[in-house]
Structures are given as C-alpha cells and as structure tokens.
Amino acid sequence: MPAYAERFPAGSTVQIADLATLERFRATWRLHNPLIPEQLAWANKLALVAEVSFYHGGDPVYVLLDVPGVWHEHCLTTITNGAT
C-alpha cells in the first residue's frame, strides 16, 4: 500500500491472521508497535476496525473493537470462510 493509505477503513470487518503468522511477525518485527502476548489469542478471529492511524512514515496501524493492542496490516486480512 502507498504511504498514508489504509487497506481496511474504520467500520470494516477483518480477519486476524493465523497463529503461525502472528508468532512469526512477533518474532521478526523490530519497529514500532510490536505485538503483545495477549494479541496471539485472537488468531483467526473476526474483528471490526474501530480506528485507523498512521505511524510516522505512513504505516497504517489499526485499533480493533474490543480486541487488545495495536494491529499492523501484515496481521490482518479480508474475511475468509472458516473464520471463528
């Protein structure tokens, strides 16, 4: 995505990535807003985007309704069948 352009606008429903993807992101991401351990429990869940903001440099970061932490686009996807 171009800088300062979100993939998921506020109000959209997203699916959080699977546990393996979240763990890999958590182990390798070294910049702003690292995942916190509580976020791993939300793997594969659906959530509503409550707020979108942009880290300096244009990275979109997401706050999900009733879900802990700040989320990166790498950890979210569009809804697929089989989501819980």
Protein backbone atom coordinates (compact mmCIF):
# COMPACT_ATOMS: atom_id res chain seq x y z
CA MET A 1 0.00 0.00 0.00
CA PRO A 2 1.15 3.57 -0.58
CA ALA A 3 2.16 5.59 2.47
CA TYR A 4 -0.78 7.01 4.45
CA ALA A 5 -3.33 4.76 2.75
CA GLU A 6 -5.11 2.09 4.77
CA ARG A 7 -6.29 -1.21 3.33
CA PHE A 8 -9.08 -1.54 5.91
CA PRO A 9 -11.10 1.61 6.67
CA ALA A 10 -12.76 2.14 10.04
CA GLY A 11 -16.00 0.18 10.22
CA SER A 12 -14.80 -2.72 8.08
CA THR A 13 -14.60 -6.29 9.33
CA VAL A 14 -11.24 -8.04 9.14
CA GLN A 15 -9.89 -11.45 9.96
CA ILE A 16 -6.85 -11.60 12.19
CA ALA A 17 -4.04 -13.75 10.80
CA ASP A 18 -3.47 -17.34 11.92
CA LEU A 19 -1.33 -18.08 14.96
CA ALA A 20 1.76 -19.08 12.97
CA THR A 21 1.69 -15.78 11.08
CA LEU A 22 1.24 -13.76 14.28
CA GLU A 23 4.09 -15.61 16.01
CA ARG A 24 6.38 -15.10 13.02
CA PHE A 25 5.51 -11.39 12.88
CA ARG A 26 6.09 -11.04 16.62
CA ALA A 27 9.49 -12.75 16.38
CA THR A 28 10.75 -10.74 13.42
CA TRP A 29 9.16 -7.27 13.67
CA ARG A 30 11.65 -4.81 15.17
CA LEU A 31 9.98 -1.46 14.61
CA HIS A 32 7.04 0.38 16.17
CA ASN A 33 4.05 -1.18 17.95
CA PRO A 34 5.22 -4.78 18.46
CA LEU A 35 2.51 -7.37 19.08
CA ILE A 36 1.83 -8.07 22.74
CA PRO A 37 1.31 -11.64 24.02
CA GLU A 38 -2.43 -11.06 24.56
CA GLN A 39 -2.92 -10.50 20.84
CA LEU A 40 -1.95 -14.08 19.97
CA ALA A 41 -5.20 -15.40 21.48
CA TRP A 42 -7.08 -13.52 18.75
CA ALA A 43 -5.63 -15.55 15.85
CA ASN A 44 -8.22 -16.32 13.13
CA LYS A 45 -10.91 -14.23 14.83
CA LEU A 46 -13.07 -11.64 13.12
CA ALA A 47 -12.97 -8.06 14.36
CA LEU A 48 -14.33 -4.65 13.49
CA VAL A 49 -11.85 -1.88 12.70
CA ALA A 50 -12.56 0.84 15.26
CA GLU A 51 -9.78 3.25 14.32
CA VAL A 52 -7.02 3.67 11.77
CA SER A 53 -3.99 5.84 12.37
CA PHE A 54 -0.62 6.16 10.71
CA TYR A 55 2.79 5.76 12.22
CA HIS A 56 5.35 8.35 11.14
CA GLY A 57 6.36 7.32 7.64
CA GLY A 58 2.90 6.16 6.62
CA ASP A 59 2.47 2.67 8.11
CA PRO A 60 -1.22 2.17 8.92
CA VAL A 61 -1.93 0.79 12.37
CA TYR A 62 -5.34 -0.40 13.49
CA VAL A 63 -7.32 -0.48 16.71
CA LEU A 64 -9.91 -3.24 16.64
CA LEU A 65 -13.14 -3.05 18.62
CA ASP A 66 -12.87 -4.97 21.92
CA VAL A 67 -9.53 -6.54 20.88
CA PRO A 68 -6.31 -5.69 22.75
CA GLY A 69 -3.30 -3.98 21.23
CA VAL A 70 -2.46 -2.15 18.05
CA TRP A 71 -2.52 -4.16 14.85
CA HIS A 72 -0.40 -3.97 11.71
CA GLU A 73 -1.80 -4.61 8.24
CA HIS A 74 0.52 -7.63 7.97
CA CYS A 75 -1.54 -9.27 10.72
CA LEU A 76 -4.96 -8.65 9.17
CA THR A 77 -6.72 -9.90 6.09
CA THR A 78 -10.10 -9.84 4.42
CA ILE A 79 -12.66 -12.32 5.67
CA THR A 80 -12.33 -15.92 4.52
CA ASN A 81 -14.56 -18.93 5.08
CA GLY A 82 -13.96 -20.86 8.26
CA ALA A 83 -13.24 -17.81 10.44
CA THR A 84 -14.19 -18.06 14.09
